Amino acid sequence: MDVEQVRDYTLSIFGVTEDQPFGDDIITFRIEGKIFLCLWLGGGQHDIRDSEPRFALKLTPERNEELREQYSSITPAWHWNKKHWSDVYYEHLEEDFVKALIKESYDLVVSKLPKASRIKYS
């Protein structure tokens, strides 16, 4: 996947919005105002690891540990809580797996929404 494919897929998920509160080099994706994915667009102050394309996503601490042990392309998030967020270097992973990770992050955040909000997404 490339950056546009990641963006297009993420925006195709029901209820997702995007904004850029951290500057022009990051797009955040939200559900009900809660961030579940941050996509780095390149350059700027968030440039690390040889400028490889990446996004940060929120998963359970256990799932983050499991993925980091299995995949060298999934690391503790550079600028987020490392227990709950991982950086995913998506160009090194299969497209279906990347999409599954994005959906897993979305589902986790939806599961934490108040019941009245959560009902819209089930």
PDB file of N, CA and C in Angstrom:
ATOM      1  N   MET A   1       0.844  -1.187   0.000  1.00  0.00           N
ATOM      2  CA  MET A   1       0.000   0.000   0.000  1.00  0.00           C
ATOM      3  C   MET A   1       0.883   1.242   0.000  1.00  0.00           C
ATOM      4  N   ASP A   2       0.349   2.291  -0.603  1.00  0.00           N
ATOM      5  CA  ASP A   2       1.036   3.565  -0.521  1.00  0.00           C
ATOM      6  C   ASP A   2       0.206   4.498   0.373  1.00  0.00           C
ATOM      7  N   VAL A   3       0.690   5.700   0.570  1.00  0.00           N
ATOM      8  CA  VAL A   3       0.056   6.630   1.499  1.00  0.00           C
ATOM      9  C   VAL A   3      -1.387   6.954   1.085  1.00  0.00           C
ATOM     10  N   GLU A   4      -1.637   7.105  -0.205  1.00  0.00           N
ATOM     11  CA  GLU A   4      -2.998   7.402  -0.669  1.00  0.00           C
ATOM     12  C   GLU A   4      -3.936   6.226  -0.451  1.00  0.00           C
ATOM     13  N   GLN A   5      -3.436   5.017  -0.640  1.00  0.00           N
ATOM     14  CA  GLN A   5      -4.260   3.832  -0.409  1.00  0.00           C
ATOM     15  C   GLN A   5      -4.609   3.697   1.075  1.00  0.00           C
ATOM     16  N   VAL A   6      -3.649   3.984   1.943  1.00  0.00           N
ATOM     17  CA  VAL A   6      -3.922   3.952   3.387  1.00  0.00           C
ATOM     18  C   VAL A   6      -4.991   4.980   3.719  1.00  0.00           C
ATOM     19  N   ARG A   7      -4.841   6.186   3.213  1.00  0.00           N
ATOM     20  CA  ARG A   7      -5.809   7.256   3.480  1.00  0.00           C
ATOM     21  C   ARG A   7      -7.188   6.884   2.944  1.00  0.00           C
ATOM     22  N   ASP A   8      -7.250   6.433   1.700  1.00  0.00           N
ATOM     23  CA  ASP A   8      -8.534   6.078   1.092  1.00  0.00           C
ATOM     24  C   ASP A   8      -9.223   4.957   1.860  1.00  0.00           C
ATOM     25  N   TYR A   9      -8.482   3.930   2.219  1.00  0.00           N
ATOM     26  CA  TYR A   9      -9.089   2.824   2.968  1.00  0.00           C
ATOM     27  C   TYR A   9      -9.617   3.311   4.320  1.00  0.00           C
ATOM     28  N   THR A  10      -8.810   4.075   5.032  1.00  0.00           N
ATOM     29  CA  THR A  10      -9.204   4.532   6.360  1.00  0.00           C
ATOM     30  C   THR A  10     -10.457   5.392   6.287  1.00  0.00           C
ATOM     31  N   LEU A  11     -10.520   6.278   5.311  1.00  0.00           N
ATOM     32  CA  LEU A  11     -11.703   7.126   5.155  1.00  0.00           C
ATOM     33  C   LEU A  11     -12.935   6.350   4.688  1.00  0.00           C
ATOM     34  N   SER A  12     -12.743   5.155   4.152  1.00  0.00           N
ATOM     35  CA  SER A  12     -13.882   4.346   3.700  1.00  0.00           C
ATOM     36  C   SER A  12     -14.606   3.662   4.862  1.00  0.00           C
ATOM     37  N   ILE A  13     -13.992   3.654   6.032  1.00  0.00           N
ATOM     38  CA  ILE A  13     -14.603   3.022   7.200  1.00  0.00           C
ATOM     39  C   ILE A  13     -15.673   3.966   7.752  1.00  0.00           C
ATOM     40  N   PHE A  14     -16.802   3.420   8.107  1.00  0.00           N
ATOM     41  CA  PHE A  14     -17.961   4.203   8.540  1.00  0.00           C
ATOM     42  C   PHE A  14     -17.626   5.183   9.670  1.00  0.00           C
ATOM     43  N   GLY A  15     -17.975   6.441   9.455  1.00  0.00           N
ATOM     44  CA  GLY A  15     -17.879   7.459  10.501  1.00  0.00           C
ATOM     45  C   GLY A  15     -16.521   8.107  10.694  1.00  0.00           C
ATOM     46  N   VAL A  16     -15.530   7.711   9.907  1.00  0.00           N
ATOM     47  CA  VAL A  16     -14.168   8.225  10.087  1.00  0.00           C
ATOM     48  C   VAL A  16     -14.055   9.643   9.524  1.00  0.00           C
ATOM     49  N   THR A  17     -13.393  10.495  10.289  1.00  0.00           N
ATOM     50  CA  THR A  17     -13.065  11.851   9.839  1.00  0.00           C
ATOM     51  C   THR A  17     -11.555  12.025   9.902  1.00  0.00           C
ATOM     52  N   GLU A  18     -11.073  13.049   9.215  1.00  0.00           N
ATOM     53  CA  GLU A  18      -9.636  13.338   9.236  1.00  0.00           C
ATOM     54  C   GLU A  18      -9.418  14.816   9.530  1.00  0.00           C
ATOM     55  N   ASP A  19      -8.256  15.112  10.131  1.00  0.00           N
ATOM     56  CA  ASP A  19      -7.838  16.491  10.337  1.00  0.00           C
ATOM     57  C   ASP A  19      -6.322  16.510  10.474  1.00  0.00           C
ATOM     58  N   GLN A  20      -5.774  17.717  10.653  1.00  0.00           N
ATOM     59  CA  GLN A  20      -4.323  17.856  10.744  1.00  0.00           C
ATOM     60  C   GLN A  20      -3.941  18.775  11.915  1.00  0.00           C
ATOM     61  N   PRO A  21      -4.226  18.360  13.140  1.00  0.00           N
ATOM     62  CA  PRO A  21      -3.937  19.213  14.283  1.00  0.00           C
ATOM     63  C   PRO A  21      -2.449  19.323  14.626  1.00  0.00           C
ATOM     64  N   PHE A  22      -1.626  18.424  14.100  1.00  0.00           N
ATOM     65  CA  PHE A  22      -0.204  18.399  14.448  1.00  0.00           C
ATOM     66  C   PHE A  22       0.690  18.974  13.356  1.00  0.00           C
ATOM     67  N   GLY A  23       0.096  19.578  12.334  1.00  0.00           N
ATOM     68  CA  GLY A  23       0.884  20.156  11.253  1.00  0.00           C
ATOM     69  C   GLY A  23       0.590  19.487   9.923  1.00  0.00           C
ATOM     70  N   ASP A  24       1.213  20.013   8.891  1.00  0.00           N
ATOM     71  CA  ASP A  24       0.944  19.564   7.527  1.00  0.00           C
ATOM     72  C   ASP A  24       1.502  18.183   7.199  1.00  0.00           C
ATOM     73  N   ASP A  25       2.398  17.644   8.029  1.00  0.00           N
ATOM     74  CA  ASP A  25       3.005  16.355   7.702  1.00  0.00           C
ATOM     75  C   ASP A  25       2.316  15.162   8.370  1.00  0.00           C
ATOM     76  N   ILE A  26       1.204  15.389   9.065  1.00  0.00           N
ATOM     77  CA  ILE A  26       0.472  14.307   9.756  1.00  0.00           C
ATOM     78  C   ILE A  26      -1.030  14.471   9.527  1.00  0.00           C
ATOM     79  N   ILE A  27      -1.692  13.377   9.141  1.00  0.00           N
ATOM     80  CA  ILE A  27      -3.159  13.354   9.107  1.00  0.00           C
ATOM     81  C   ILE A  27      -3.620  12.457  10.245  1.00  0.00           C
ATOM     82  N   THR A  28      -4.538  12.947  11.063  1.00  0.00           N
ATOM     83  CA  THR A  28      -5.125  12.101  12.093  1.00  0.00           C
ATOM     84  C   THR A  28      -6.504  11.647  11.628  1.00  0.00           C
ATOM     85  N   PHE A  29      -6.815  10.414  11.937  1.00  0.00           N
ATOM     86  CA  PHE A  29      -8.116   9.841  11.624  1.00  0.00           C
ATOM     87  C   PHE A  29      -8.825   9.570  12.942  1.00  0.00           C
ATOM     88  N   ARG A  30     -10.093   9.976  12.985  1.00  0.00           N
ATOM     89  CA  ARG A  30     -10.855   9.903  14.229  1.00  0.00           C
ATOM     90  C   ARG A  30     -12.198   9.228  14.019  1.00  0.00           C
ATOM     91  N   ILE A  31     -12.703   8.694  15.132  1.00  0.00           N
ATOM     92  CA  ILE A  31     -14.063   8.224  15.201  1.00  0.00           C
ATOM     93  C   ILE A  31     -14.683   8.871  16.432  1.00  0.00           C
ATOM     94  N   GLU A  32     -15.752   9.608  16.234  1.00  0.00           N
ATOM     95  CA  GLU A  32     -16.387  10.351  17.337  1.00  0.00           C
ATOM     96  C   GLU A  32     -15.379  11.250  18.059  1.00  0.00           C
ATOM     97  N   GLY A  33     -14.459  11.829  17.306  1.00  0.00           N
ATOM     98  CA  GLY A  33     -13.475  12.745  17.873  1.00  0.00           C
ATOM     99  C   GLY A  33     -12.268  12.082  18.504  1.00  0.00           C
ATOM    100  N   LYS A  34     -12.247  10.748  18.564  1.00  0.00           N
ATOM    101  CA  LYS A  34     -11.139  10.005  19.178  1.00  0.00           C
ATOM    102  C   LYS A  34     -10.181   9.520  18.095  1.00  0.00           C
ATOM    103  N   ILE A  35      -8.905   9.824  18.255  1.00  0.00           N
ATOM    104  CA  ILE A  35      -7.889   9.419  17.277  1.00  0.00           C
ATOM    105  C   ILE A  35      -7.630   7.916  17.385  1.00  0.00           C
ATOM    106  N   PHE A  36      -7.618   7.244  16.228  1.00  0.00           N
ATOM    107  CA  PHE A  36      -7.223   5.835  16.209  1.00  0.00           C
ATOM    108  C   PHE A  36      -6.056   5.580  15.262  1.00  0.00           C
ATOM    109  N   LEU A  37      -5.716   6.568  14.415  1.00  0.00           N
ATOM    110  CA  LEU A  37      -4.604   6.398  13.490  1.00  0.00           C
ATOM    111  C   LEU A  37      -4.033   7.755  13.114  1.00  0.00           C
ATOM    112  N   CYS A  38      -2.707   7.825  13.058  1.00  0.00           N
ATOM    113  CA  CYS A  38      -1.990   9.035  12.635  1.00  0.00           C
ATOM    114  C   CYS A  38      -1.090   8.646  11.474  1.00  0.00           C
ATOM    115  N   LEU A  39      -1.332   9.239  10.320  1.00  0.00           N
ATOM    116  CA  LEU A  39      -0.598   8.912   9.104  1.00  0.00           C
ATOM    117  C   LEU A  39       0.416   9.998   8.805  1.00  0.00           C
ATOM    118  N   TRP A  40       1.682   9.608   8.760  1.00  0.00           N
ATOM    119  CA  TRP A  40       2.766  10.542   8.461  1.00  0.00           C
ATOM    120  C   TRP A  40       2.863  10.707   6.953  1.00  0.00           C
ATOM    121  N   LEU A  41       2.903  11.945   6.487  1.00  0.00           N
ATOM    122  CA  LEU A  41       2.930  12.241   5.051  1.00  0.00           C
ATOM    123  C   LEU A  41       4.330  12.454   4.500  1.00  0.00           C
ATOM    124  N   GLY A  42       5.317  12.523   5.371  1.00  0.00           N
ATOM    125  CA  GLY A  42       6.695  12.700   4.927  1.00  0.00           C
ATOM    126  C   GLY A  42       7.229  14.074   5.256  1.00  0.00           C
ATOM    127  N   GLY A  43       8.526  14.130   5.510  1.00  0.00           N
ATOM    128  CA  GLY A  43       9.182  15.394   5.823  1.00  0.00           C
ATOM    129  C   GLY A  43       8.773  15.943   7.170  1.00  0.00           C
ATOM    130  N   GLY A  44       9.059  17.198   7.372  1.00  0.00           N
ATOM    131  CA  GLY A  44       8.640  17.875   8.595  1.00  0.00           C
ATOM    132  C   GLY A  44       9.334  17.385   9.839  1.00  0.00           C
ATOM    133  N   GLN A  45       8.778  17.766  10.962  1.00  0.00           N
ATOM    134  CA  GLN A  45       9.389  17.482  12.257  1.00  0.00           C
ATOM    135  C   GLN A  45       9.237  16.026  12.691  1.00  0.00           C
ATOM    136  N   HIS A  46       8.414  15.259  12.026  1.00  0.00           N
ATOM    137  CA  HIS A  46       8.154  13.882  12.439  1.00  0.00           C
ATOM    138  C   HIS A  46       8.940  12.864  11.614  1.00  0.00           C
ATOM    139  N   ASP A  47      10.018  13.287  10.992  1.00  0.00           N
ATOM    140  CA  ASP A  47      10.822  12.434  10.128  1.00  0.00           C
ATOM    141  C   ASP A  47      11.772  11.582  10.970  1.00  0.00           C
ATOM    142  N   ILE A  48      11.605  10.261  10.908  1.00  0.00           N
ATOM    143  CA  ILE A  48      12.497   9.332  11.603  1.00  0.00           C
ATOM    144  C   ILE A  48      12.750   8.121  10.710  1.00  0.00           C
ATOM    145  N   ARG A  49      13.656   7.289  11.098  1.00  0.00           N
ATOM    146  CA  ARG A  49      13.965   6.008  10.450  1.00  0.00           C
ATOM    147  C   ARG A  49      14.046   6.132   8.933  1.00  0.00           C
ATOM    148  N   ASP A  50      14.959   6.909   8.466  1.00  0.00           N
ATOM    149  CA  ASP A  50      15.235   7.028   7.029  1.00  0.00           C
ATOM    150  C   ASP A  50      14.012   7.424   6.197  1.00  0.00           C
ATOM    151  N   SER A  51      13.131   8.191   6.771  1.00  0.00           N
ATOM    152  CA  SER A  51      11.958   8.725   6.063  1.00  0.00           C
ATOM    153  C   SER A  51      11.011   7.657   5.515  1.00  0.00           C
ATOM    154  N   GLU A  52      11.004   6.484   6.097  1.00  0.00           N
ATOM    155  CA  GLU A  52      10.103   5.427   5.627  1.00  0.00           C
ATOM    156  C   GLU A  52       8.658   5.767   5.974  1.00  0.00           C
ATOM    157  N   PRO A  53       7.729   5.544   5.037  1.00  0.00           N
ATOM    158  CA  PRO A  53       6.315   5.809   5.309  1.00  0.00           C
ATOM    159  C   PRO A  53       5.808   4.965   6.475  1.00  0.00           C
ATOM    160  N   ARG A  54       5.000   5.591   7.319  1.00  0.00           N
ATOM    161  CA  ARG A  54       4.488   4.893   8.491  1.00  0.00           C
ATOM    162  C   ARG A  54       3.211   5.550   8.984  1.00  0.00           C
ATOM    163  N   PHE A  55       2.517   4.840   9.836  1.00  0.00           N
ATOM    164  CA  PHE A  55       1.436   5.431  10.614  1.00  0.00           C
ATOM    165  C   PHE A  55       1.502   4.867  12.016  1.00  0.00           C
ATOM    166  N   ALA A  56       0.929   5.617  12.939  1.00  0.00           N
ATOM    167  CA  ALA A  56       0.806   5.149  14.316  1.00  0.00           C
ATOM    168  C   ALA A  56      -0.645   4.760  14.526  1.00  0.00           C
ATOM    169  N   LEU A  57      -0.846   3.622  15.188  1.00  0.00           N
ATOM    170  CA  LEU A  57      -2.200   3.223  15.511  1.00  0.00           C
ATOM    171  C   LEU A  57      -2.285   2.704  16.932  1.00  0.00           C
ATOM    172  N   LYS A  58      -3.501   2.759  17.465  1.00  0.00           N
ATOM    173  CA  LYS A  58      -3.755   2.367  18.847  1.00  0.00           C
ATOM    174  C   LYS A  58      -4.255   0.931  18.883  1.00  0.00           C
ATOM    175  N   LEU A  59      -3.606   0.112  19.731  1.00  0.00           N
ATOM    176  CA  LEU A  59      -4.024  -1.265  19.958  1.00  0.00           C
ATOM    177  C   LEU A  59      -3.870  -1.565  21.444  1.00  0.00           C
ATOM    178  N   THR A  60      -4.348  -2.714  21.871  1.00  0.00           N
ATOM    179  CA  THR A  60      -4.171  -3.076  23.281  1.00  0.00           C
ATOM    180  C   THR A  60      -2.688  -3.297  23.550  1.00  0.00           C
ATOM    181  N   PRO A  61      -2.247  -3.093  24.788  1.00  0.00           N
ATOM    182  CA  PRO A  61      -0.832  -3.322  25.103  1.00  0.00           C
ATOM    183  C   PRO A  61      -0.360  -4.735  24.732  1.00  0.00           C
ATOM    184  N   GLU A  62      -1.196  -5.728  24.980  1.00  0.00           N
ATOM    185  CA  GLU A  62      -0.823  -7.111  24.672  1.00  0.00           C
ATOM    186  C   GLU A  62      -0.661  -7.316  23.167  1.00  0.00           C
ATOM    187  N   ARG A  63      -1.564  -6.756  22.411  1.00  0.00           N
ATOM    188  CA  ARG A  63      -1.498  -6.894  20.954  1.00  0.00           C
ATOM    189  C   ARG A  63      -0.275  -6.170  20.396  1.00  0.00           C
ATOM    190  N   ASN A  64       0.019  -4.998  20.931  1.00  0.00           N
ATOM    191  CA  ASN A  64       1.215  -4.274  20.495  1.00  0.00           C
ATOM    192  C   ASN A  64       2.468  -5.101  20.737  1.00  0.00           C
ATOM    193  N   GLU A  65       2.592  -5.685  21.913  1.00  0.00           N
ATOM    194  CA  GLU A  65       3.766  -6.517  22.216  1.00  0.00           C
ATOM    195  C   GLU A  65       3.876  -7.688  21.253  1.00  0.00           C
ATOM    196  N   GLU A  66       2.755  -8.360  21.024  1.00  0.00           N
ATOM    197  CA  GLU A  66       2.726  -9.512  20.122  1.00  0.00           C
ATOM    198  C   GLU A  66       3.188  -9.129  18.715  1.00  0.00           C
ATOM    199  N   LEU A  67       2.653  -8.044  18.191  1.00  0.00           N
ATOM    200  CA  LEU A  67       3.001  -7.610  16.834  1.00  0.00           C
ATOM    201  C   LEU A  67       4.460  -7.180  16.741  1.00  0.00           C
ATOM    202  N   ARG A  68       4.951  -6.485  17.749  1.00  0.00           N
ATOM    203  CA  ARG A  68       6.347  -6.030  17.733  1.00  0.00           C
ATOM    204  C   ARG A  68       7.322  -7.193  17.770  1.00  0.00           C
ATOM    205  N   GLU A  69       6.939  -8.270  18.459  1.00  0.00           N
ATOM    206  CA  GLU A  69       7.796  -9.459  18.502  1.00  0.00           C
ATOM    207  C   GLU A  69       7.806 -10.181  17.159  1.00  0.00           C
ATOM    208  N   GLN A  70       6.677 -10.139  16.454  1.00  0.00           N
ATOM    209  CA  GLN A  70       6.522 -10.859  15.193  1.00  0.00           C
ATOM    210  C   GLN A  70       7.045 -10.112  13.976  1.00  0.00           C
ATOM    211  N   TYR A  71       6.943  -8.782  13.974  1.00  0.00           N
ATOM    212  CA  TYR A  71       7.232  -7.992  12.776  1.00  0.00           C
ATOM    213  C   TYR A  71       8.226  -6.874  13.083  1.00  0.00           C
ATOM    214  N   SER A  72       9.307  -6.848  12.341  1.00  0.00           N
ATOM    215  CA  SER A  72      10.284  -5.767  12.521  1.00  0.00           C
ATOM    216  C   SER A  72       9.739  -4.438  11.994  1.00  0.00           C
ATOM    217  N   SER A  73       8.684  -4.494  11.195  1.00  0.00           N
ATOM    218  CA  SER A  73       8.070  -3.283  10.632  1.00  0.00           C
ATOM    219  C   SER A  73       7.021  -2.675  11.557  1.00  0.00           C
ATOM    220  N   ILE A  74       6.887  -3.210  12.759  1.00  0.00           N
ATOM    221  CA  ILE A  74       5.976  -2.658  13.763  1.00  0.00           C
ATOM    222  C   ILE A  74       6.802  -2.394  15.014  1.00  0.00           C
ATOM    223  N   THR A  75       6.862  -1.123  15.396  1.00  0.00           N
ATOM    224  CA  THR A  75       7.723  -0.701  16.498  1.00  0.00           C
ATOM    225  C   THR A  75       6.938   0.176  17.480  1.00  0.00           C
ATOM    226  N   PRO A  76       7.481   0.405  18.672  1.00  0.00           N
ATOM    227  CA  PRO A  76       6.810   1.348  19.580  1.00  0.00           C
ATOM    228  C   PRO A  76       6.674   2.715  18.901  1.00  0.00           C
ATOM    229  N   ALA A  77       5.540   3.333  19.083  1.00  0.00           N
ATOM    230  CA  ALA A  77       5.285   4.614  18.419  1.00  0.00           C
ATOM    231  C   ALA A  77       6.279   5.661  18.881  1.00  0.00           C
ATOM    232  N   TRP A  78       6.797   6.393  17.925  1.00  0.00           N
ATOM    233  CA  TRP A  78       7.845   7.376  18.197  1.00  0.00           C
ATOM    234  C   TRP A  78       7.341   8.512  19.060  1.00  0.00           C
ATOM    235  N   HIS A  79       6.148   9.004  18.803  1.00  0.00           N
ATOM    236  CA  HIS A  79       5.692  10.217  19.473  1.00  0.00           C
ATOM    237  C   HIS A  79       4.401  10.010  20.265  1.00  0.00           C
ATOM    238  N   TRP A  80       4.102   8.765  20.593  1.00  0.00           N
ATOM    239  CA  TRP A  80       2.858   8.422  21.294  1.00  0.00           C
ATOM    240  C   TRP A  80       3.192   7.524  22.483  1.00  0.00           C
ATOM    241  N   ASN A  81       2.197   7.247  23.299  1.00  0.00           N
ATOM    242  CA  ASN A  81       2.372   6.327  24.420  1.00  0.00           C
ATOM    243  C   ASN A  81       2.754   4.954  23.860  1.00  0.00           C
ATOM    244  N   LYS A  82       3.945   4.507  24.173  1.00  0.00           N
ATOM    245  CA  LYS A  82       4.491   3.297  23.566  1.00  0.00           C
ATOM    246  C   LYS A  82       3.785   2.019  24.008  1.00  0.00           C
ATOM    247  N   LYS A  83       3.075   2.084  25.090  1.00  0.00           N
ATOM    248  CA  LYS A  83       2.316   0.925  25.565  1.00  0.00           C
ATOM    249  C   LYS A  83       1.070   0.699  24.697  1.00  0.00           C
ATOM    250  N   HIS A  84       0.441   1.775  24.284  1.00  0.00           N
ATOM    251  CA  HIS A  84      -0.838   1.697  23.578  1.00  0.00           C
ATOM    252  C   HIS A  84      -0.747   1.971  22.078  1.00  0.00           C
ATOM    253  N   TRP A  85       0.375   2.510  21.615  1.00  0.00           N
ATOM    254  CA  TRP A  85       0.501   2.913  20.209  1.00  0.00           C
ATOM    255  C   TRP A  85       1.739   2.275  19.578  1.00  0.00           C
ATOM    256  N   SER A  86       1.590   1.866  18.327  1.00  0.00           N
ATOM    257  CA  SER A  86       2.711   1.325  17.551  1.00  0.00           C
ATOM    258  C   SER A  86       2.836   2.070  16.232  1.00  0.00           C
ATOM    259  N   ASP A  87       4.075   2.221  15.777  1.00  0.00           N
ATOM    260  CA  ASP A  87       4.338   2.708  14.428  1.00  0.00           C
ATOM    261  C   ASP A  87       4.343   1.496  13.499  1.00  0.00           C
ATOM    262  N   VAL A  88       3.641   1.621  12.394  1.00  0.00           N
ATOM    263  CA  VAL A  88       3.554   0.552  11.401  1.00  0.00           C
ATOM    264  C   VAL A  88       4.159   1.068  10.099  1.00  0.00           C
ATOM    265  N   TYR A  89       5.242   0.423   9.675  1.00  0.00           N
ATOM    266  CA  TYR A  89       5.892   0.757   8.408  1.00  0.00           C
ATOM    267  C   TYR A  89       5.199  -0.081   7.330  1.00  0.00           C
ATOM    268  N   TYR A  90       4.083   0.441   6.843  1.00  0.00           N
ATOM    269  CA  TYR A  90       3.107  -0.324   6.077  1.00  0.00           C
ATOM    270  C   TYR A  90       3.591  -0.799   4.724  1.00  0.00           C
ATOM    271  N   GLU A  91       4.577  -0.159   4.135  1.00  0.00           N
ATOM    272  CA  GLU A  91       5.058  -0.614   2.824  1.00  0.00           C
ATOM    273  C   GLU A  91       5.773  -1.960   2.903  1.00  0.00           C
ATOM    274  N   HIS A  92       6.131  -2.399   4.109  1.00  0.00           N
ATOM    275  CA  HIS A  92       6.827  -3.673   4.294  1.00  0.00           C
ATOM    276  C   HIS A  92       5.867  -4.814   4.617  1.00  0.00           C
ATOM    277  N   LEU A  93       4.575  -4.531   4.658  1.00  0.00           N
ATOM    278  CA  LEU A  93       3.586  -5.526   5.076  1.00  0.00           C
ATOM    279  C   LEU A  93       2.548  -5.742   3.974  1.00  0.00           C
ATOM    280  N   GLU A  94       1.892  -6.880   4.025  1.00  0.00           N
ATOM    281  CA  GLU A  94       0.841  -7.198   3.057  1.00  0.00           C
ATOM    282  C   GLU A  94      -0.346  -6.251   3.210  1.00  0.00           C
ATOM    283  N   GLU A  95      -0.954  -5.876   2.097  1.00  0.00           N
ATOM    284  CA  GLU A  95      -2.065  -4.933   2.102  1.00  0.00           C
ATOM    285  C   GLU A  95      -3.217  -5.391   2.992  1.00  0.00           C
ATOM    286  N   ASP A  96      -3.614  -6.648   2.895  1.00  0.00           N
ATOM    287  CA  ASP A  96      -4.732  -7.145   3.706  1.00  0.00           C
ATOM    288  C   ASP A  96      -4.419  -7.069   5.202  1.00  0.00           C
ATOM    289  N   PHE A  97      -3.169  -7.327   5.559  1.00  0.00           N
ATOM    290  CA  PHE A  97      -2.760  -7.254   6.955  1.00  0.00           C
ATOM    291  C   PHE A  97      -2.797  -5.805   7.449  1.00  0.00           C
ATOM    292  N   VAL A  98      -2.337  -4.883   6.628  1.00  0.00           N
ATOM    293  CA  VAL A  98      -2.364  -3.460   6.993  1.00  0.00           C
ATOM    294  C   VAL A  98      -3.807  -3.007   7.197  1.00  0.00           C
ATOM    295  N   LYS A  99      -4.683  -3.384   6.293  1.00  0.00           N
ATOM    296  CA  LYS A  99      -6.094  -3.031   6.433  1.00  0.00           C
ATOM    297  C   LYS A  99      -6.686  -3.626   7.710  1.00  0.00           C
ATOM    298  N   ALA A 100      -6.324  -4.853   8.019  1.00  0.00           N
ATOM    299  CA  ALA A 100      -6.824  -5.501   9.238  1.00  0.00           C
ATOM    300  C   ALA A 100      -6.353  -4.761  10.487  1.00  0.00           C
ATOM    301  N   LEU A 101      -5.112  -4.293  10.482  1.00  0.00           N
ATOM    302  CA  LEU A 101      -4.597  -3.534  11.625  1.00  0.00           C
ATOM    303  C   LEU A 101      -5.348  -2.217  11.791  1.00  0.00           C
ATOM    304  N   ILE A 102      -5.595  -1.536  10.682  1.00  0.00           N
ATOM    305  CA  ILE A 102      -6.334  -0.267  10.738  1.00  0.00           C
ATOM    306  C   ILE A 102      -7.729  -0.511  11.313  1.00  0.00           C
ATOM    307  N   LYS A 103      -8.393  -1.546  10.823  1.00  0.00           N
ATOM    308  CA  LYS A 103      -9.748  -1.865  11.306  1.00  0.00           C
ATOM    309  C   LYS A 103      -9.722  -2.281  12.770  1.00  0.00           C
ATOM    310  N   GLU A 104      -8.690  -2.991  13.175  1.00  0.00           N
ATOM    311  CA  GLU A 104      -8.558  -3.403  14.579  1.00  0.00           C
ATOM    312  C   GLU A 104      -8.424  -2.182  15.483  1.00  0.00           C
ATOM    313  N   SER A 105      -7.649  -1.196  15.070  1.00  0.00           N
ATOM    314  CA  SER A 105      -7.494   0.032  15.844  1.00  0.00           C
ATOM    315  C   SER A 105      -8.826   0.775  15.936  1.00  0.00           C
ATOM    316  N   TYR A 106      -9.503   0.897  14.814  1.00  0.00           N
ATOM    317  CA  TYR A 106     -10.827   1.529  14.758  1.00  0.00           C
ATOM    318  C   TYR A 106     -11.787   0.825  15.714  1.00  0.00           C
ATOM    319  N   ASP A 107     -11.853  -0.506  15.623  1.00  0.00           N
ATOM    320  CA  ASP A 107     -12.763  -1.283  16.472  1.00  0.00           C
ATOM    321  C   ASP A 107     -12.458  -1.114  17.953  1.00  0.00           C
ATOM    322  N   LEU A 108     -11.176  -1.036  18.293  1.00  0.00           N
ATOM    323  CA  LEU A 108     -10.792  -0.832  19.697  1.00  0.00           C
ATOM    324  C   LEU A 108     -11.318   0.503  20.201  1.00  0.00           C
ATOM    325  N   VAL A 109     -11.124   1.554  19.432  1.00  0.00           N
ATOM    326  CA  VAL A 109     -11.584   2.877  19.857  1.00  0.00           C
ATOM    327  C   VAL A 109     -13.113   2.914  19.920  1.00  0.00           C
ATOM    328  N   VAL A 110     -13.784   2.313  18.952  1.00  0.00           N
ATOM    329  CA  VAL A 110     -15.253   2.242  18.988  1.00  0.00           C
ATOM    330  C   VAL A 110     -15.718   1.519  20.250  1.00  0.00           C
ATOM    331  N   SER A 111     -15.022   0.452  20.636  1.00  0.00           N
ATOM    332  CA  SER A 111     -15.431  -0.328  21.810  1.00  0.00           C
ATOM    333  C   SER A 111     -15.332   0.463  23.106  1.00  0.00           C
ATOM    334  N   LYS A 112     -14.574   1.534  23.113  1.00  0.00           N
ATOM    335  CA  LYS A 112     -14.395   2.370  24.310  1.00  0.00           C
ATOM    336  C   LYS A 112     -15.340   3.578  24.324  1.00  0.00           C
ATOM    337  N   LEU A 113     -16.098   3.770  23.246  1.00  0.00           N
ATOM    338  CA  LEU A 113     -17.037   4.891  23.197  1.00  0.00           C
ATOM    339  C   LEU A 113     -18.210   4.646  24.148  1.00  0.00           C
ATOM    340  N   PRO A 114     -18.882   5.709  24.578  1.00  0.00           N
ATOM    341  CA  PRO A 114     -20.090   5.526  25.383  1.00  0.00           C
ATOM    342  C   PRO A 114     -21.107   4.692  24.593  1.00  0.00           C
ATOM    343  N   LYS A 115     -21.905   3.924  25.305  1.00  0.00           N
ATOM    344  CA  LYS A 115     -22.854   3.010  24.668  1.00  0.00           C
ATOM    345  C   LYS A 115     -23.741   3.703  23.632  1.00  0.00           C
ATOM    346  N   ALA A 116     -24.228   4.884  23.943  1.00  0.00           N
ATOM    347  CA  ALA A 116     -25.105   5.610  23.009  1.00  0.00           C
ATOM    348  C   ALA A 116     -24.412   5.899  21.684  1.00  0.00           C
ATOM    349  N   SER A 117     -23.124   6.187  21.721  1.00  0.00           N
ATOM    350  CA  SER A 117     -22.357   6.435  20.498  1.00  0.00           C
ATOM    351  C   SER A 117     -21.981   5.127  19.818  1.00  0.00           C
ATOM    352  N   ARG A 118     -21.612   4.154  20.608  1.00  0.00           N
ATOM    353  CA  ARG A 118     -21.120   2.865  20.095  1.00  0.00           C
ATOM    354  C   ARG A 118     -22.180   2.139  19.263  1.00  0.00           C
ATOM    355  N   ILE A 119     -23.433   2.302  19.590  1.00  0.00           N
ATOM    356  CA  ILE A 119     -24.536   1.622  18.905  1.00  0.00           C
ATOM    357  C   ILE A 119     -24.539   1.916  17.407  1.00  0.00           C
ATOM    358  N   LYS A 120     -24.148   3.118  17.007  1.00  0.00           N
ATOM    359  CA  LYS A 120     -24.124   3.502  15.590  1.00  0.00           C
ATOM    360  C   LYS A 120     -23.144   2.659  14.776  1.00  0.00           C
ATOM    361  N   TYR A 121     -22.149   2.090  15.431  1.00  0.00           N
ATOM    362  CA  TYR A 121     -21.062   1.403  14.728  1.00  0.00           C
ATOM    363  C   TYR A 121     -21.127  -0.111  14.811  1.00  0.00           C
ATOM    364  N   SER A 122     -22.205  -0.652  15.405  1.00  0.00           N
ATOM    365  CA  SER A 122     -22.281  -2.107  15.515  1.00  0.00           C
ATOM    366  C   SER A 122     -23.133  -2.732  14.439  1.00  0.00           C
TER     367      SER A 122
END
